[in-house]
Amino acid sequence: MNTETNSTIVPSLTQASEMLRGAIGQIQFARNYTLELLENTPQELWFTIPAGMPTNVAWQVGHLTVSQYGLLMFRIRGRGPDDLELIPGKFRKTYGRGTVPSADASSQPTPEELLDRLAQVHAQSMQVLEGVAPEVLLEAVDMPYAAYPIKLGAILFCPIHEGIHAGQLGLLRRMHGLESVR
């Protein structure tokens, strides 16, 4: 049975569990595509903001890291004891929503460091999702939320968000004169 919350039909516990399984697969698919784009983008281009573009590869990677942490770790289980080391305040202030990308590589982590942090957050996020109790999926969350005003909504939004930024990575690659990877 579905329940209604704030004029949104919320899935049942069984439906939420099934949706979680599908979302985990979509999250991994989106991440694999992002990594394929990054593997085929020379790191010396990561901090360059092409003419007419508002962003660069480094910002996209940092932003995906901060966002995945927020959607799949913080939203689901709250702040953990090691989270400030994983996503320090300076990192959030550099790559969080509403921040402005910088072409100054000296003030940012290296591409290798960005990739390492991206991988760490992804691995820990997947562990959180594998261990989340089904009833937790239906717990309410505050704005901003996506899809549903429950924790499941954050999980469902994560692969969509990554797909949006993978598209931006693809456009950045083309602006740098690189061929499409697919």
Protein backbone atom coordinates (compact mmCIF):
# COMPACT_ATOMS: atom_id res chain seq x y z
CA MET A 1 0.00 0.00 0.00
CA ASN A 2 1.24 3.47 -0.84
CA THR A 3 0.89 6.33 1.62
CA GLU A 4 0.58 9.99 0.79
CA THR A 5 3.01 12.57 2.18
CA ASN A 6 2.79 16.25 1.26
CA SER A 7 0.69 15.39 -1.83
CA THR A 8 3.32 12.90 -3.01
CA ILE A 9 2.57 9.20 -3.12
CA VAL A 10 5.31 7.44 -1.17
CA PRO A 11 6.15 3.83 -2.05
CA SER A 12 5.45 0.96 0.29
CA LEU A 13 8.28 -0.69 2.21
CA THR A 14 8.44 -3.52 -0.34
CA GLN A 15 8.43 -1.10 -3.27
CA ALA A 16 11.11 1.05 -1.60
CA SER A 17 13.37 -1.99 -1.15
CA GLU A 18 12.94 -2.93 -4.81
CA MET A 19 13.60 0.65 -5.89
CA LEU A 20 16.78 0.69 -3.79
CA ARG A 21 18.12 -2.39 -5.63
CA GLY A 22 17.48 -0.73 -8.99
CA ALA A 23 18.99 2.56 -7.84
CA ILE A 24 22.21 0.84 -6.72
CA GLY A 25 22.63 -0.57 -10.23
CA GLN A 26 21.95 2.83 -11.79
CA ILE A 27 24.42 4.53 -9.44
CA GLN A 28 27.12 2.07 -10.47
CA PHE A 29 26.27 2.44 -14.17
CA ALA A 30 26.46 6.24 -13.96
CA ARG A 31 29.77 6.05 -12.08
CA ASN A 32 31.28 3.69 -14.65
CA TYR A 33 30.39 6.12 -17.43
CA THR A 34 31.83 9.06 -15.49
CA LEU A 35 35.06 7.13 -14.94
CA GLU A 36 35.25 6.26 -18.63
CA LEU A 37 34.99 9.96 -19.48
CA LEU A 38 37.64 10.87 -16.92
CA GLU A 39 40.04 8.12 -18.00
CA ASN A 40 39.88 9.53 -21.51
CA THR A 41 40.44 13.16 -20.50
CA PRO A 42 44.08 14.24 -20.12
CA GLN A 43 44.66 15.48 -16.58
CA GLU A 44 46.52 18.54 -17.84
CA LEU A 45 43.11 19.78 -19.09
CA TRP A 46 41.27 19.28 -15.81
CA PHE A 47 41.65 22.85 -14.52
CA THR A 48 41.19 24.61 -17.86
CA ILE A 49 37.86 26.37 -18.29
CA PRO A 50 37.17 26.42 -22.04
CA ALA A 51 36.04 29.69 -23.60
CA GLY A 52 32.30 30.12 -23.18
CA MET A 53 32.05 27.43 -20.49
CA PRO A 54 31.36 28.06 -16.79
CA THR A 55 33.15 24.98 -15.46
CA ASN A 56 36.06 22.57 -15.69
CA VAL A 57 36.69 18.85 -15.18
CA ALA A 58 38.23 19.28 -11.71
CA TRP A 59 35.14 21.08 -10.40
CA GLN A 60 32.85 18.41 -11.86
CA VAL A 61 34.79 15.64 -10.10
CA GLY A 62 34.88 17.51 -6.79
CA HIS A 63 31.19 18.33 -7.08
CA LEU A 64 30.23 14.71 -7.78
CA THR A 65 32.22 13.71 -4.70
CA VAL A 66 30.50 16.22 -2.42
CA SER A 67 27.08 15.43 -3.89
CA GLN A 68 27.38 11.67 -3.59
CA TYR A 69 28.48 12.07 0.02
CA GLY A 70 25.49 14.32 0.72
CA LEU A 71 22.91 12.18 -1.06
CA LEU A 72 24.05 8.69 -0.08
CA MET A 73 25.88 9.10 3.20
CA PHE A 74 24.84 12.25 5.04
CA ARG A 75 21.16 12.08 4.00
CA ILE A 76 20.89 8.38 4.80
CA ARG A 77 22.88 7.93 8.01
CA GLY A 78 23.84 11.43 9.14
CA ARG A 79 27.39 12.68 9.72
CA GLY A 80 29.83 9.95 10.65
CA PRO A 81 32.89 10.34 12.90
CA ASP A 82 35.35 10.33 9.95
CA ASP A 83 33.26 12.43 7.56
CA LEU A 84 35.06 15.71 8.19
CA GLU A 85 38.30 14.04 7.13
CA LEU A 86 36.61 12.51 4.08
CA ILE A 87 34.83 15.74 3.05
CA PRO A 88 36.50 18.64 4.86
CA GLY A 89 34.76 22.00 5.02
CA LYS A 90 37.20 23.53 2.50
CA PHE A 91 36.36 20.76 0.03
CA ARG A 92 32.61 21.43 0.41
CA LYS A 93 33.19 25.18 0.02
CA THR A 94 35.18 24.58 -3.17
CA TYR A 95 32.91 22.03 -4.87
CA GLY A 96 29.47 22.23 -3.23
CA ARG A 97 26.27 23.49 -4.82
CA GLY A 98 26.49 27.12 -5.84
CA THR A 99 30.30 27.29 -5.85
CA VAL A 100 32.28 28.79 -8.72
CA PRO A 101 34.86 26.62 -10.51
CA SER A 102 38.44 27.87 -10.46
CA ALA A 103 41.18 27.40 -13.05
CA ASP A 104 43.83 27.80 -10.33
CA ALA A 105 45.22 24.29 -9.93
CA SER A 106 47.55 25.39 -7.11
CA SER A 107 44.61 26.04 -4.78
CA GLN A 108 42.93 22.66 -5.37
CA PRO A 109 43.64 18.96 -4.96
CA THR A 110 45.45 17.28 -7.84
CA PRO A 111 43.48 15.16 -10.33
CA GLU A 112 44.84 12.05 -8.59
CA GLU A 113 43.66 13.33 -5.21
CA LEU A 114 40.23 14.21 -6.63
CA LEU A 115 39.91 10.73 -8.17
CA ASP A 116 40.98 9.09 -4.92
CA ARG A 117 38.42 11.03 -2.87
CA LEU A 118 35.73 10.30 -5.50
CA ALA A 119 36.53 6.57 -5.19
CA GLN A 120 36.55 6.66 -1.38
CA VAL A 121 33.17 8.35 -1.18
CA HIS A 122 31.70 5.98 -3.76
CA ALA A 123 32.96 2.87 -1.93
CA GLN A 124 31.68 4.09 1.43
CA SER A 125 28.36 5.16 -0.11
CA MET A 126 27.83 1.71 -1.57
CA GLN A 127 28.51 0.18 1.86
CA VAL A 128 25.91 2.50 3.39
CA LEU A 129 23.34 1.49 0.76
CA GLU A 130 24.06 -2.22 1.13
CA GLY A 131 23.46 -1.97 4.86
CA VAL A 132 20.49 0.39 4.97
CA ALA A 133 17.39 -1.04 6.65
CA PRO A 134 14.30 -0.88 4.42
CA GLU A 135 12.33 1.18 6.93
CA VAL A 136 15.05 3.87 6.87
CA LEU A 137 14.28 4.44 3.19
CA LEU A 138 10.87 5.83 4.12
CA GLU A 139 12.13 8.28 6.76
CA ALA A 140 11.34 11.92 5.99
CA VAL A 141 14.02 14.39 4.91
CA ASP A 142 14.07 18.17 4.90
CA MET A 143 14.24 20.29 1.78
CA PRO A 144 15.91 20.24 -0.59
CA TYR A 145 14.83 16.77 -1.63
CA ALA A 146 14.29 15.05 -4.94
CA ALA A 147 11.69 12.56 -6.15
CA TYR A 148 10.20 11.92 -2.69
CA PRO A 149 10.41 13.76 0.64
CA ILE A 150 12.01 10.62 2.08
CA LYS A 151 15.54 9.19 2.16
CA LEU A 152 14.80 6.99 -0.84
CA GLY A 153 14.37 10.16 -2.90
CA ALA A 154 18.01 11.15 -2.31
CA ILE A 155 19.13 7.71 -3.45
CA LEU A 156 16.98 7.82 -6.59
CA PHE A 157 18.28 11.28 -7.48
CA CYS A 158 21.95 10.34 -7.18
CA PRO A 159 22.37 8.56 -10.57
CA ILE A 160 20.32 11.26 -12.31
CA HIS A 161 22.57 13.94 -10.83
CA GLU A 162 25.69 12.04 -11.87
CA GLY A 163 24.30 11.62 -15.39
CA ILE A 164 23.78 15.37 -15.64
CA HIS A 165 27.39 15.98 -14.68
CA ALA A 166 28.66 13.20 -16.95
CA GLY A 167 26.97 15.13 -19.76
CA GLN A 168 28.85 18.23 -18.69
CA LEU A 169 32.10 16.23 -18.69
CA GLY A 170 31.30 15.06 -22.21
CA LEU A 171 30.70 18.64 -23.33
CA LEU A 172 33.93 19.80 -21.68
CA ARG A 173 35.80 17.06 -23.53
CA ARG A 174 34.34 18.25 -26.83
CA MET A 175 35.22 21.88 -26.01
CA HIS A 176 38.80 20.69 -25.47
CA GLY A 177 38.75 19.15 -28.96
CA LEU A 178 38.52 15.54 -27.76
CA GLU A 179 36.43 12.89 -29.48
CA SER A 180 33.33 11.41 -27.90
CA VAL A 181 34.00 8.24 -25.90
CA ARG A 182 30.83 6.55 -27.14
